[in-house]
Amino acid sequence: MVAGSNPARGASKFNHLDKVSQLPRLAGGWLHAYVQFCRKRTGWNKGQADVSNDSKAELDRHFDWIADKLPEKGGNFVRWLRQPSSMLVRIPLALLLIVGGILSFLPILGIWMLPLGLLLIAQDIPFLQRPLADALGWVERKWMNRKA
């Protein structure tokens, strides 16, 4: 018998890695846990976030406007990025944009990255949807008043 392979000592701490169905969760384990925590805090899983539906619809309207203003390939990328299946790409990209926006004093990076990152991450974190929808509505009103 190999040293350290005593089956009587109980299950190995790596037994959870044997389940193939859990691999996507384990790949972004901390991220998955954080998203689940946010969903529980906001009642997203229980249907209690109905108040957020208006904010989500407002964000969707702004995303559609942005996608329509971009060239075809850029618009298609934004539409793909908003799909639920793109969460593993959307969240890291959003975090990189937020960090890039914070470091906007460096060359190449700009403050434009911060709101774009917040918009992307708001797709998955419901408590950010209302403040961002309100901010976008305020910017839109100011823009329209300026044009008039």
C-alpha atoms as a PDB file:
ATOM      1  CA  MET A   1       0.000   0.000   0.000  1.00  0.00           C
ATOM      2  CA  VAL A   2       1.258   3.456  -0.897  1.00  0.00           C
ATOM      3  CA  ALA A   3       1.912   5.824   1.976  1.00  0.00           C
ATOM      4  CA  GLY A   4      -0.889   8.337   2.418  1.00  0.00           C
ATOM      5  CA  SER A   5      -3.480   6.341   0.486  1.00  0.00           C
ATOM      6  CA  ASN A   6      -5.375   4.937   3.448  1.00  0.00           C
ATOM      7  CA  PRO A   7      -9.046   4.780   2.381  1.00  0.00           C
ATOM      8  CA  ALA A   8     -10.137   4.426   5.998  1.00  0.00           C
ATOM      9  CA  ARG A   9      -9.024   7.970   6.773  1.00  0.00           C
ATOM     10  CA  GLY A  10     -11.997   9.408   4.925  1.00  0.00           C
ATOM     11  CA  ALA A  11     -12.546  11.170   1.648  1.00  0.00           C
ATOM     12  CA  SER A  12      -9.744  13.098   0.034  1.00  0.00           C
ATOM     13  CA  LYS A  13     -10.068  16.850   0.030  1.00  0.00           C
ATOM     14  CA  PHE A  14      -9.877  16.681  -3.777  1.00  0.00           C
ATOM     15  CA  ASN A  15     -12.892  14.393  -4.277  1.00  0.00           C
ATOM     16  CA  HIS A  16     -14.963  17.315  -5.513  1.00  0.00           C
ATOM     17  CA  LEU A  17     -12.637  17.568  -8.529  1.00  0.00           C
ATOM     18  CA  ASP A  18     -13.824  14.162  -9.716  1.00  0.00           C
ATOM     19  CA  LYS A  19     -17.205  15.530 -10.708  1.00  0.00           C
ATOM     20  CA  VAL A  20     -16.955  16.792 -14.267  1.00  0.00           C
ATOM     21  CA  SER A  21     -20.198  18.739 -13.896  1.00  0.00           C
ATOM     22  CA  GLN A  22     -18.571  21.032 -11.340  1.00  0.00           C
ATOM     23  CA  LEU A  23     -15.552  21.987 -13.455  1.00  0.00           C
ATOM     24  CA  PRO A  24     -17.094  25.171 -14.902  1.00  0.00           C
ATOM     25  CA  ARG A  25     -17.963  26.271 -11.383  1.00  0.00           C
ATOM     26  CA  LEU A  26     -14.490  25.473 -10.088  1.00  0.00           C
ATOM     27  CA  ALA A  27     -12.797  27.370 -12.918  1.00  0.00           C
ATOM     28  CA  GLY A  28     -14.287  30.635 -11.707  1.00  0.00           C
ATOM     29  CA  GLY A  29     -15.180  29.505  -8.199  1.00  0.00           C
ATOM     30  CA  TRP A  30     -14.731  32.822  -6.433  1.00  0.00           C
ATOM     31  CA  LEU A  31     -16.546  34.619  -9.201  1.00  0.00           C
ATOM     32  CA  HIS A  32     -19.430  32.147  -9.168  1.00  0.00           C
ATOM     33  CA  ALA A  33     -19.667  32.442  -5.383  1.00  0.00           C
ATOM     34  CA  TYR A  34     -19.728  36.246  -5.583  1.00  0.00           C
ATOM     35  CA  VAL A  35     -22.451  36.301  -8.233  1.00  0.00           C
ATOM     36  CA  GLN A  36     -24.531  33.831  -6.196  1.00  0.00           C
ATOM     37  CA  PHE A  37     -24.020  35.974  -3.083  1.00  0.00           C
ATOM     38  CA  CYS A  38     -25.219  39.082  -4.952  1.00  0.00           C
ATOM     39  CA  ARG A  39     -28.225  37.227  -6.313  1.00  0.00           C
ATOM     40  CA  LYS A  40     -29.220  36.044  -2.834  1.00  0.00           C
ATOM     41  CA  ARG A  41     -28.793  39.505  -1.297  1.00  0.00           C
ATOM     42  CA  THR A  42     -30.957  41.158  -3.919  1.00  0.00           C
ATOM     43  CA  GLY A  43     -33.564  38.388  -4.038  1.00  0.00           C
ATOM     44  CA  TRP A  44     -32.837  37.838  -7.716  1.00  0.00           C
ATOM     45  CA  ASN A  45     -33.440  34.075  -7.501  1.00  0.00           C
ATOM     46  CA  LYS A  46     -36.757  34.470  -5.676  1.00  0.00           C
ATOM     47  CA  GLY A  47     -38.359  36.887  -8.111  1.00  0.00           C
ATOM     48  CA  GLN A  48     -38.202  39.688  -5.537  1.00  0.00           C
ATOM     49  CA  ALA A  49     -36.172  41.907  -7.844  1.00  0.00           C
ATOM     50  CA  ASP A  50     -39.205  42.945  -9.897  1.00  0.00           C
ATOM     51  CA  VAL A  51     -38.395  46.566  -9.084  1.00  0.00           C
ATOM     52  CA  SER A  52     -35.135  46.018 -10.974  1.00  0.00           C
ATOM     53  CA  ASN A  53     -36.994  44.974 -14.145  1.00  0.00           C
ATOM     54  CA  ASP A  54     -37.503  48.629 -15.089  1.00  0.00           C
ATOM     55  CA  SER A  55     -33.816  49.315 -14.541  1.00  0.00           C
ATOM     56  CA  LYS A  56     -32.871  46.243 -16.554  1.00  0.00           C
ATOM     57  CA  ALA A  57     -35.154  47.322 -19.395  1.00  0.00           C
ATOM     58  CA  GLU A  58     -33.603  50.802 -19.303  1.00  0.00           C
ATOM     59  CA  LEU A  59     -30.079  49.330 -19.431  1.00  0.00           C
ATOM     60  CA  ASP A  60     -31.147  47.078 -22.290  1.00  0.00           C
ATOM     61  CA  ARG A  61     -32.411  50.129 -24.169  1.00  0.00           C
ATOM     62  CA  HIS A  62     -29.080  51.897 -23.697  1.00  0.00           C
ATOM     63  CA  PHE A  63     -27.123  48.788 -24.729  1.00  0.00           C
ATOM     64  CA  ASP A  64     -29.256  48.478 -27.861  1.00  0.00           C
ATOM     65  CA  TRP A  65     -28.615  52.134 -28.679  1.00  0.00           C
ATOM     66  CA  ILE A  66     -24.849  51.621 -28.219  1.00  0.00           C
ATOM     67  CA  ALA A  67     -24.880  48.457 -30.346  1.00  0.00           C
ATOM     68  CA  ASP A  68     -26.794  50.261 -33.105  1.00  0.00           C
ATOM     69  CA  LYS A  69     -24.299  53.151 -33.166  1.00  0.00           C
ATOM     70  CA  LEU A  70     -21.284  50.836 -33.503  1.00  0.00           C
ATOM     71  CA  PRO A  71     -20.083  49.321 -36.775  1.00  0.00           C
ATOM     72  CA  GLU A  72     -21.668  45.952 -37.586  1.00  0.00           C
ATOM     73  CA  LYS A  73     -18.910  43.792 -36.069  1.00  0.00           C
ATOM     74  CA  GLY A  74     -18.770  45.903 -32.908  1.00  0.00           C
ATOM     75  CA  GLY A  75     -22.552  45.806 -32.531  1.00  0.00           C
ATOM     76  CA  ASN A  76     -22.609  42.047 -32.973  1.00  0.00           C
ATOM     77  CA  PHE A  77     -19.875  41.718 -30.328  1.00  0.00           C
ATOM     78  CA  VAL A  78     -21.867  43.826 -27.852  1.00  0.00           C
ATOM     79  CA  ARG A  79     -25.006  41.771 -28.518  1.00  0.00           C
ATOM     80  CA  TRP A  80     -23.049  38.528 -28.042  1.00  0.00           C
ATOM     81  CA  LEU A  81     -21.409  39.855 -24.876  1.00  0.00           C
ATOM     82  CA  ARG A  82     -24.819  40.579 -23.325  1.00  0.00           C
ATOM     83  CA  GLN A  83     -26.045  36.997 -23.725  1.00  0.00           C
ATOM     84  CA  PRO A  84     -26.139  34.942 -20.507  1.00  0.00           C
ATOM     85  CA  SER A  85     -23.813  32.336 -22.025  1.00  0.00           C
ATOM     86  CA  SER A  86     -21.058  34.984 -22.337  1.00  0.00           C
ATOM     87  CA  MET A  87     -20.797  35.603 -18.584  1.00  0.00           C
ATOM     88  CA  LEU A  88     -17.330  34.031 -18.332  1.00  0.00           C
ATOM     89  CA  VAL A  89     -16.051  36.559 -20.870  1.00  0.00           C
ATOM     90  CA  ARG A  90     -18.179  39.527 -19.810  1.00  0.00           C
ATOM     91  CA  ILE A  91     -17.173  39.690 -16.140  1.00  0.00           C
ATOM     92  CA  PRO A  92     -13.374  39.542 -16.605  1.00  0.00           C
ATOM     93  CA  LEU A  93     -13.650  42.079 -19.434  1.00  0.00           C
ATOM     94  CA  ALA A  94     -15.760  44.347 -17.226  1.00  0.00           C
ATOM     95  CA  LEU A  95     -13.241  44.083 -14.386  1.00  0.00           C
ATOM     96  CA  LEU A  96     -10.370  44.912 -16.751  1.00  0.00           C
ATOM     97  CA  LEU A  97     -12.263  47.940 -18.059  1.00  0.00           C
ATOM     98  CA  ILE A  98     -13.001  49.144 -14.526  1.00  0.00           C
ATOM     99  CA  VAL A  99      -9.344  48.823 -13.513  1.00  0.00           C
ATOM    100  CA  GLY A 100      -8.310  50.547 -16.752  1.00  0.00           C
ATOM    101  CA  GLY A 101     -10.721  53.377 -15.990  1.00  0.00           C
ATOM    102  CA  ILE A 102      -9.325  53.768 -12.496  1.00  0.00           C
ATOM    103  CA  LEU A 103      -5.805  53.905 -13.970  1.00  0.00           C
ATOM    104  CA  SER A 104      -6.863  56.455 -16.586  1.00  0.00           C
ATOM    105  CA  PHE A 105      -3.995  58.753 -15.679  1.00  0.00           C
ATOM    106  CA  LEU A 106      -1.666  56.328 -17.499  1.00  0.00           C
ATOM    107  CA  PRO A 107      -1.123  56.603 -21.258  1.00  0.00           C
ATOM    108  CA  ILE A 108      -3.485  54.605 -23.522  1.00  0.00           C
ATOM    109  CA  LEU A 109      -6.031  53.990 -20.754  1.00  0.00           C
ATOM    110  CA  GLY A 110      -8.944  56.367 -20.425  1.00  0.00           C
ATOM    111  CA  ILE A 111     -11.788  57.307 -18.125  1.00  0.00           C
ATOM    112  CA  TRP A 112     -14.224  56.002 -20.788  1.00  0.00           C
ATOM    113  CA  MET A 113     -13.317  52.475 -19.641  1.00  0.00           C
ATOM    114  CA  LEU A 114     -14.912  52.911 -16.206  1.00  0.00           C
ATOM    115  CA  PRO A 115     -18.567  53.430 -17.235  1.00  0.00           C
ATOM    116  CA  LEU A 116     -18.286  50.765 -19.914  1.00  0.00           C
ATOM    117  CA  GLY A 117     -16.954  48.260 -17.360  1.00  0.00           C
ATOM    118  CA  LEU A 118     -19.713  49.180 -14.913  1.00  0.00           C
ATOM    119  CA  LEU A 119     -22.328  48.722 -17.634  1.00  0.00           C
ATOM    120  CA  LEU A 120     -21.018  45.265 -18.452  1.00  0.00           C
ATOM    121  CA  ILE A 121     -20.805  44.106 -14.855  1.00  0.00           C
ATOM    122  CA  ALA A 122     -24.306  45.455 -14.126  1.00  0.00           C
ATOM    123  CA  GLN A 123     -25.646  42.726 -16.419  1.00  0.00           C
ATOM    124  CA  ASP A 124     -24.755  40.216 -13.674  1.00  0.00           C
ATOM    125  CA  ILE A 125     -25.011  42.280 -10.484  1.00  0.00           C
ATOM    126  CA  PRO A 126     -28.590  43.500 -10.100  1.00  0.00           C
ATOM    127  CA  PHE A 127     -27.971  46.111  -7.388  1.00  0.00           C
ATOM    128  CA  LEU A 128     -25.852  48.111  -9.872  1.00  0.00           C
ATOM    129  CA  GLN A 129     -28.621  48.226 -12.463  1.00  0.00           C
ATOM    130  CA  ARG A 130     -30.745  50.973 -10.918  1.00  0.00           C
ATOM    131  CA  PRO A 131     -27.904  53.470 -10.250  1.00  0.00           C
ATOM    132  CA  LEU A 132     -26.470  52.935 -13.731  1.00  0.00           C
ATOM    133  CA  ALA A 133     -29.869  53.254 -15.395  1.00  0.00           C
ATOM    134  CA  ASP A 134     -30.470  56.481 -13.452  1.00  0.00           C
ATOM    135  CA  ALA A 135     -27.022  57.822 -14.406  1.00  0.00           C
ATOM    136  CA  LEU A 136     -27.536  56.953 -18.071  1.00  0.00           C
ATOM    137  CA  GLY A 137     -30.964  58.596 -18.009  1.00  0.00           C
ATOM    138  CA  TRP A 138     -29.436  61.753 -16.499  1.00  0.00           C
ATOM    139  CA  VAL A 139     -26.685  61.831 -19.141  1.00  0.00           C
ATOM    140  CA  GLU A 140     -29.238  61.294 -21.897  1.00  0.00           C
ATOM    141  CA  ARG A 141     -31.435  64.152 -20.607  1.00  0.00           C
ATOM    142  CA  LYS A 142     -28.439  66.486 -20.381  1.00  0.00           C
ATOM    143  CA  TRP A 143     -27.352  65.499 -23.875  1.00  0.00           C
ATOM    144  CA  MET A 144     -30.809  66.121 -25.333  1.00  0.00           C
ATOM    145  CA  ASN A 145     -31.115  69.490 -23.545  1.00  0.00           C
ATOM    146  CA  ARG A 146     -27.719  70.506 -24.880  1.00  0.00           C
ATOM    147  CA  LYS A 147     -28.711  69.628 -28.433  1.00  0.00           C
ATOM    148  CA  ALA A 148     -31.997  71.559 -28.175  1.00  0.00           C
END
